[in-house]
Amino acid sequence: MSLFLPGRVVVFDYGEVISRTPHAARDALLAATGCSAEELFPVYQELRHDLDRGDLSTLAYWRAIGEHIGRSWSVSEVHRFWAIDFTGWFAVDPEVLDLVEELHDAGTRVALLSNAGFDFGDPYRHSPMASMFETVVVSAEEHVLKPDSSIYRTTCDRLGIAPAQMVFVDNRAENASGAEAVGAVGHHYTSPAGLRTFLQELADAAEGVPA
């Protein structure tokens, strides 16, 4: 059945929705840095908000991690860590990307809204998947993170739609709820199968198909 949602734009989060969780990259980071998971990843995650908000450059982010755990890293070391981490996020879940393609090919408008650093903007916009996205909104470029209401409104403004026309998909419940708070339809992503069911129900409702 067609995944056509007339009058709607389905806006996807990227990390751990379209992309897979980068388990192998995280193992490689531990090997490269010589840190334990307990040492590295709490700080990695804590400071990620500053990176994704655009308050830290990539170099400053990794240097700040080093300072927090008592390490001093050269630019070449940081570049190595960054390359491992960055490329790890570009392994996608084909089931989800296939759903994006189904929506796009059926005539449904699709877009991307991601909490991510400046370094992700160009890859998002120039990768093969970018051919399907009408708009790409990156948190660092807006200096605001989901679930702040302003980033959803900015996305709607760029798409030329009212919030009620946006369907937002995110793996974090608070981000889906943030979209709902401005009047959009939110979906807390947990699996490709669950996402397909959700989208098909919306498409069926648009066509007047009984549930």
C-alpha atoms as a PDB file:
ATOM      1  CA  MET A   1       0.000   0.000   0.000  1.00  0.00           C
ATOM      2  CA  SER A   2       1.183   3.504  -0.790  1.00  0.00           C
ATOM      3  CA  LEU A   3       2.814   5.594   1.925  1.00  0.00           C
ATOM      4  CA  PHE A   4       1.352   8.820   0.546  1.00  0.00           C
ATOM      5  CA  LEU A   5       0.490  11.434   3.160  1.00  0.00           C
ATOM      6  CA  PRO A   6      -1.083  14.361   1.309  1.00  0.00           C
ATOM      7  CA  GLY A   7      -0.572  17.734   2.951  1.00  0.00           C
ATOM      8  CA  ARG A   8       1.966  16.328   5.414  1.00  0.00           C
ATOM      9  CA  VAL A   9       5.744  16.461   5.703  1.00  0.00           C
ATOM     10  CA  VAL A  10       7.428  13.571   7.511  1.00  0.00           C
ATOM     11  CA  VAL A  11      10.490  14.936   9.307  1.00  0.00           C
ATOM     12  CA  PHE A  12      13.059  12.404  10.471  1.00  0.00           C
ATOM     13  CA  ASP A  13      15.629  12.505  13.203  1.00  0.00           C
ATOM     14  CA  TYR A  14      18.921  10.993  12.017  1.00  0.00           C
ATOM     15  CA  GLY A  15      20.926   9.378  14.830  1.00  0.00           C
ATOM     16  CA  GLU A  16      19.637   5.911  15.785  1.00  0.00           C
ATOM     17  CA  VAL A  17      16.597   6.354  13.540  1.00  0.00           C
ATOM     18  CA  ILE A  18      18.058   6.466  10.039  1.00  0.00           C
ATOM     19  CA  SER A  19      21.529   5.648  11.311  1.00  0.00           C
ATOM     20  CA  ARG A  20      22.398   2.583  13.300  1.00  0.00           C
ATOM     21  CA  THR A  21      23.931   2.774  16.770  1.00  0.00           C
ATOM     22  CA  PRO A  22      27.692   2.895  16.058  1.00  0.00           C
ATOM     23  CA  HIS A  23      28.772   0.018  18.311  1.00  0.00           C
ATOM     24  CA  ALA A  24      31.879  -0.874  16.283  1.00  0.00           C
ATOM     25  CA  ALA A  25      32.990   2.768  16.157  1.00  0.00           C
ATOM     26  CA  ARG A  26      32.633   3.047  19.915  1.00  0.00           C
ATOM     27  CA  ASP A  27      34.814  -0.009  20.417  1.00  0.00           C
ATOM     28  CA  ALA A  28      37.356   1.512  18.017  1.00  0.00           C
ATOM     29  CA  LEU A  29      37.293   4.791  19.973  1.00  0.00           C
ATOM     30  CA  LEU A  30      38.132   2.981  23.186  1.00  0.00           C
ATOM     31  CA  ALA A  31      41.065   1.289  21.487  1.00  0.00           C
ATOM     32  CA  ALA A  32      42.284   4.550  19.923  1.00  0.00           C
ATOM     33  CA  THR A  33      42.011   6.650  23.070  1.00  0.00           C
ATOM     34  CA  GLY A  34      43.144   3.959  25.488  1.00  0.00           C
ATOM     35  CA  CYS A  35      40.175   4.823  27.718  1.00  0.00           C
ATOM     36  CA  SER A  36      37.624   2.567  29.342  1.00  0.00           C
ATOM     37  CA  ALA A  37      33.965   2.932  28.418  1.00  0.00           C
ATOM     38  CA  GLU A  38      33.233   4.127  31.967  1.00  0.00           C
ATOM     39  CA  GLU A  39      35.890   6.806  31.611  1.00  0.00           C
ATOM     40  CA  LEU A  40      35.142   8.063  28.118  1.00  0.00           C
ATOM     41  CA  PHE A  41      31.457   7.805  27.278  1.00  0.00           C
ATOM     42  CA  PRO A  42      29.811   9.681  30.174  1.00  0.00           C
ATOM     43  CA  VAL A  43      31.915  12.745  29.303  1.00  0.00           C
ATOM     44  CA  TYR A  44      31.476  12.151  25.556  1.00  0.00           C
ATOM     45  CA  GLN A  45      27.702  12.233  26.057  1.00  0.00           C
ATOM     46  CA  GLU A  46      27.635  15.119  28.529  1.00  0.00           C
ATOM     47  CA  LEU A  47      29.654  17.441  26.276  1.00  0.00           C
ATOM     48  CA  ARG A  48      27.837  16.332  23.133  1.00  0.00           C
ATOM     49  CA  HIS A  49      25.077  18.790  23.939  1.00  0.00           C
ATOM     50  CA  ASP A  50      27.548  21.673  23.677  1.00  0.00           C
ATOM     51  CA  LEU A  51      28.855  20.321  20.367  1.00  0.00           C
ATOM     52  CA  ASP A  52      25.373  19.797  18.959  1.00  0.00           C
ATOM     53  CA  ARG A  53      24.257  23.258  20.118  1.00  0.00           C
ATOM     54  CA  GLY A  54      27.145  24.789  18.202  1.00  0.00           C
ATOM     55  CA  ASP A  55      28.895  26.033  21.343  1.00  0.00           C
ATOM     56  CA  LEU A  56      31.984  23.872  20.742  1.00  0.00           C
ATOM     57  CA  SER A  57      33.951  23.158  17.584  1.00  0.00           C
ATOM     58  CA  THR A  58      34.914  19.560  16.904  1.00  0.00           C
ATOM     59  CA  LEU A  59      38.464  20.166  18.120  1.00  0.00           C
ATOM     60  CA  ALA A  60      37.276  22.001  21.239  1.00  0.00           C
ATOM     61  CA  TYR A  61      34.836  19.184  21.992  1.00  0.00           C
ATOM     62  CA  TRP A  62      37.512  16.489  21.962  1.00  0.00           C
ATOM     63  CA  ARG A  63      39.972  18.698  23.839  1.00  0.00           C
ATOM     64  CA  ALA A  64      37.300  19.276  26.498  1.00  0.00           C
ATOM     65  CA  ILE A  65      36.759  15.534  26.815  1.00  0.00           C
ATOM     66  CA  GLY A  66      40.501  15.125  27.312  1.00  0.00           C
ATOM     67  CA  GLU A  67      40.598  17.802  29.997  1.00  0.00           C
ATOM     68  CA  HIS A  68      37.746  16.155  31.889  1.00  0.00           C
ATOM     69  CA  ILE A  69      39.500  12.784  31.996  1.00  0.00           C
ATOM     70  CA  GLY A  70      43.045  14.073  32.466  1.00  0.00           C
ATOM     71  CA  ARG A  71      44.330  13.535  28.925  1.00  0.00           C
ATOM     72  CA  SER A  72      46.097  15.915  26.538  1.00  0.00           C
ATOM     73  CA  TRP A  73      45.599  15.132  22.851  1.00  0.00           C
ATOM     74  CA  SER A  74      47.334  16.557  19.776  1.00  0.00           C
ATOM     75  CA  VAL A  75      45.377  17.732  16.738  1.00  0.00           C
ATOM     76  CA  SER A  76      46.397  14.568  14.873  1.00  0.00           C
ATOM     77  CA  GLU A  77      45.114  12.395  17.721  1.00  0.00           C
ATOM     78  CA  VAL A  78      41.858  14.341  17.877  1.00  0.00           C
ATOM     79  CA  HIS A  79      41.445  14.012  14.113  1.00  0.00           C
ATOM     80  CA  ARG A  80      41.822  10.256  14.432  1.00  0.00           C
ATOM     81  CA  PHE A  81      39.200  10.075  17.187  1.00  0.00           C
ATOM     82  CA  TRP A  82      36.859  12.359  15.247  1.00  0.00           C
ATOM     83  CA  ALA A  83      37.195  10.278  12.060  1.00  0.00           C
ATOM     84  CA  ILE A  84      36.325   7.080  13.924  1.00  0.00           C
ATOM     85  CA  ASP A  85      33.343   8.668  15.642  1.00  0.00           C
ATOM     86  CA  PHE A  86      32.092  10.635  12.628  1.00  0.00           C
ATOM     87  CA  THR A  87      32.174   7.831  10.083  1.00  0.00           C
ATOM     88  CA  GLY A  88      30.539   5.446  12.544  1.00  0.00           C
ATOM     89  CA  TRP A  89      27.349   7.488  12.361  1.00  0.00           C
ATOM     90  CA  PHE A  90      26.989   6.952   8.612  1.00  0.00           C
ATOM     91  CA  ALA A  91      26.088   3.281   8.764  1.00  0.00           C
ATOM     92  CA  VAL A  92      22.339   3.477   8.116  1.00  0.00           C
ATOM     93  CA  ASP A  93      19.480   1.101   8.800  1.00  0.00           C
ATOM     94  CA  PRO A  94      18.348   0.103   5.289  1.00  0.00           C
ATOM     95  CA  GLU A  95      14.818  -0.671   6.488  1.00  0.00           C
ATOM     96  CA  VAL A  96      14.351   2.885   7.695  1.00  0.00           C
ATOM     97  CA  LEU A  97      15.985   4.502   4.688  1.00  0.00           C
ATOM     98  CA  ASP A  98      13.822   2.323   2.461  1.00  0.00           C
ATOM     99  CA  LEU A  99      10.791   3.736   4.276  1.00  0.00           C
ATOM    100  CA  VAL A 100      12.030   7.262   3.592  1.00  0.00           C
ATOM    101  CA  GLU A 101      12.384   6.329  -0.066  1.00  0.00           C
ATOM    102  CA  GLU A 102       8.892   4.806  -0.164  1.00  0.00           C
ATOM    103  CA  LEU A 103       7.416   7.988   1.246  1.00  0.00           C
ATOM    104  CA  HIS A 104       9.373  10.149  -1.180  1.00  0.00           C
ATOM    105  CA  ASP A 105       8.532   8.011  -4.211  1.00  0.00           C
ATOM    106  CA  ALA A 106       4.832   8.027  -3.284  1.00  0.00           C
ATOM    107  CA  GLY A 107       4.875  11.828  -3.333  1.00  0.00           C
ATOM    108  CA  THR A 108       5.089  12.484   0.408  1.00  0.00           C
ATOM    109  CA  ARG A 109       7.374  15.348   1.365  1.00  0.00           C
ATOM    110  CA  VAL A 110      10.249  14.363   3.694  1.00  0.00           C
ATOM    111  CA  ALA A 111      12.858  16.343   5.621  1.00  0.00           C
ATOM    112  CA  LEU A 112      15.570  15.890   8.255  1.00  0.00           C
ATOM    113  CA  LEU A 113      15.935  17.509  11.695  1.00  0.00           C
ATOM    114  CA  SER A 114      18.969  16.405  13.669  1.00  0.00           C
ATOM    115  CA  ASN A 115      20.736  17.336  16.875  1.00  0.00           C
ATOM    116  CA  ALA A 116      24.262  17.317  15.445  1.00  0.00           C
ATOM    117  CA  GLY A 117      27.445  19.357  15.197  1.00  0.00           C
ATOM    118  CA  PHE A 118      28.494  21.619  12.350  1.00  0.00           C
ATOM    119  CA  ASP A 119      30.480  18.792  10.752  1.00  0.00           C
ATOM    120  CA  PHE A 120      27.305  16.872   9.894  1.00  0.00           C
ATOM    121  CA  GLY A 121      25.637  19.603   7.851  1.00  0.00           C
ATOM    122  CA  ASP A 122      27.381  19.033   4.520  1.00  0.00           C
ATOM    123  CA  PRO A 123      27.291  15.205   4.658  1.00  0.00           C
ATOM    124  CA  TYR A 124      23.583  15.313   5.442  1.00  0.00           C
ATOM    125  CA  ARG A 125      23.026  17.607   2.459  1.00  0.00           C
ATOM    126  CA  HIS A 126      25.301  15.872  -0.053  1.00  0.00           C
ATOM    127  CA  SER A 127      24.953  12.166   0.780  1.00  0.00           C
ATOM    128  CA  PRO A 128      22.750   9.912  -1.384  1.00  0.00           C
ATOM    129  CA  MET A 129      19.899  10.143   1.123  1.00  0.00           C
ATOM    130  CA  ALA A 130      19.906  13.924   0.752  1.00  0.00           C
ATOM    131  CA  SER A 131      18.276  13.574  -2.661  1.00  0.00           C
ATOM    132  CA  MET A 132      15.026  12.821  -0.821  1.00  0.00           C
ATOM    133  CA  PHE A 133      15.110  15.544   1.832  1.00  0.00           C
ATOM    134  CA  GLU A 134      13.438  18.826   1.009  1.00  0.00           C
ATOM    135  CA  THR A 135      15.051  20.566   3.976  1.00  0.00           C
ATOM    136  CA  VAL A 136      17.848  19.658   6.389  1.00  0.00           C
ATOM    137  CA  VAL A 137      17.931  21.391   9.791  1.00  0.00           C
ATOM    138  CA  VAL A 138      21.025  20.875  11.968  1.00  0.00           C
ATOM    139  CA  SER A 139      20.917  21.980  15.604  1.00  0.00           C
ATOM    140  CA  ALA A 140      24.439  23.435  15.713  1.00  0.00           C
ATOM    141  CA  GLU A 141      23.593  25.761  12.827  1.00  0.00           C
ATOM    142  CA  GLU A 142      20.526  26.997  14.731  1.00  0.00           C
ATOM    143  CA  HIS A 143      22.268  27.111  18.142  1.00  0.00           C
ATOM    144  CA  VAL A 144      19.349  25.288  19.727  1.00  0.00           C
ATOM    145  CA  LEU A 145      18.607  21.640  20.533  1.00  0.00           C
ATOM    146  CA  LYS A 146      15.513  19.499  20.359  1.00  0.00           C
ATOM    147  CA  PRO A 147      13.188  19.484  22.228  1.00  0.00           C
ATOM    148  CA  ASP A 148      13.229  23.307  22.315  1.00  0.00           C
ATOM    149  CA  SER A 149      10.083  24.439  20.531  1.00  0.00           C
ATOM    150  CA  SER A 150      11.931  26.943  18.338  1.00  0.00           C
ATOM    151  CA  ILE A 151      13.753  24.286  16.311  1.00  0.00           C
ATOM    152  CA  TYR A 152      10.480  22.622  15.302  1.00  0.00           C
ATOM    153  CA  ARG A 153       9.017  25.990  14.345  1.00  0.00           C
ATOM    154  CA  THR A 154      12.138  26.815  12.323  1.00  0.00           C
ATOM    155  CA  THR A 155      11.767  23.513  10.481  1.00  0.00           C
ATOM    156  CA  CYS A 156       8.123  24.241   9.702  1.00  0.00           C
ATOM    157  CA  ASP A 157       8.963  27.754   8.526  1.00  0.00           C
ATOM    158  CA  ARG A 158      11.574  26.426   6.103  1.00  0.00           C
ATOM    159  CA  LEU A 159       9.099  23.894   4.774  1.00  0.00           C
ATOM    160  CA  GLY A 160       6.377  26.510   4.487  1.00  0.00           C
ATOM    161  CA  ILE A 161       3.932  24.510   6.596  1.00  0.00           C
ATOM    162  CA  ALA A 162       1.950  24.869   9.806  1.00  0.00           C
ATOM    163  CA  PRO A 163       3.094  22.642  12.704  1.00  0.00           C
ATOM    164  CA  ALA A 164      -0.066  20.546  12.345  1.00  0.00           C
ATOM    165  CA  GLN A 165       1.203  19.419   8.938  1.00  0.00           C
ATOM    166  CA  MET A 166       4.464  18.026  10.348  1.00  0.00           C
ATOM    167  CA  VAL A 167       4.908  14.388  11.323  1.00  0.00           C
ATOM    168  CA  PHE A 168       8.076  14.052  13.392  1.00  0.00           C
ATOM    169  CA  VAL A 169       9.957  10.797  14.025  1.00  0.00           C
ATOM    170  CA  ASP A 170      12.610  10.577  16.764  1.00  0.00           C
ATOM    171  CA  ASN A 171      14.143   7.821  18.880  1.00  0.00           C
ATOM    172  CA  ARG A 172      13.936  10.013  21.993  1.00  0.00           C
ATOM    173  CA  ALA A 173      10.469  10.279  23.490  1.00  0.00           C
ATOM    174  CA  GLU A 174      11.115  13.802  24.768  1.00  0.00           C
ATOM    175  CA  ASN A 175      11.919  14.984  21.252  1.00  0.00           C
ATOM    176  CA  ALA A 176       8.757  13.467  19.804  1.00  0.00           C
ATOM    177  CA  SER A 177       6.821  15.093  22.649  1.00  0.00           C
ATOM    178  CA  GLY A 178       8.521  18.413  21.891  1.00  0.00           C
ATOM    179  CA  ALA A 179       7.120  18.273  18.365  1.00  0.00           C
ATOM    180  CA  GLU A 180       3.672  17.442  19.703  1.00  0.00           C
ATOM    181  CA  ALA A 181       3.874  20.450  22.030  1.00  0.00           C
ATOM    182  CA  VAL A 182       3.956  22.802  19.025  1.00  0.00           C
ATOM    183  CA  GLY A 183       1.043  21.000  17.347  1.00  0.00           C
ATOM    184  CA  ALA A 184       2.803  18.397  15.195  1.00  0.00           C
ATOM    185  CA  VAL A 185       2.223  14.652  15.172  1.00  0.00           C
ATOM    186  CA  GLY A 186       5.084  12.943  17.012  1.00  0.00           C
ATOM    187  CA  HIS A 187       6.243   9.343  16.783  1.00  0.00           C
ATOM    188  CA  HIS A 188       8.637   7.821  19.307  1.00  0.00           C
ATOM    189  CA  TYR A 189      10.708   5.518  17.099  1.00  0.00           C
ATOM    190  CA  THR A 190      11.568   2.092  18.518  1.00  0.00           C
ATOM    191  CA  SER A 191      11.782  -0.148  15.430  1.00  0.00           C
ATOM    192  CA  PRO A 192      11.431  -0.115  11.652  1.00  0.00           C
ATOM    193  CA  ALA A 193       8.328  -2.310  11.923  1.00  0.00           C
ATOM    194  CA  GLY A 194       6.683   0.043  14.402  1.00  0.00           C
ATOM    195  CA  LEU A 195       7.522   3.021  12.203  1.00  0.00           C
ATOM    196  CA  ARG A 196       6.061   1.330   9.125  1.00  0.00           C
ATOM    197  CA  THR A 197       2.827   0.547  10.987  1.00  0.00           C
ATOM    198  CA  PHE A 198       2.569   4.146  12.211  1.00  0.00           C
ATOM    199  CA  LEU A 199       3.148   5.616   8.756  1.00  0.00           C
ATOM    200  CA  GLN A 200       0.786   3.157   7.067  1.00  0.00           C
ATOM    201  CA  GLU A 201      -1.963   4.027   9.547  1.00  0.00           C
ATOM    202  CA  LEU A 202      -1.516   7.715   8.737  1.00  0.00           C
ATOM    203  CA  ALA A 203      -1.567   6.982   5.006  1.00  0.00           C
ATOM    204  CA  ASP A 204      -4.675   4.811   5.366  1.00  0.00           C
ATOM    205  CA  ALA A 205      -6.422   7.494   7.375  1.00  0.00           C
ATOM    206  CA  ALA A 206      -5.638  10.034   4.652  1.00  0.00           C
ATOM    207  CA  GLU A 207      -7.239   7.720   2.094  1.00  0.00           C
ATOM    208  CA  GLY A 208     -10.241   6.947   4.309  1.00  0.00           C
ATOM    209  CA  VAL A 209      -9.294   3.279   4.682  1.00  0.00           C
ATOM    210  CA  PRO A 210     -11.066   1.729   7.731  1.00  0.00           C
ATOM    211  CA  ALA A 211      -8.734   0.678  10.519  1.00  0.00           C
END
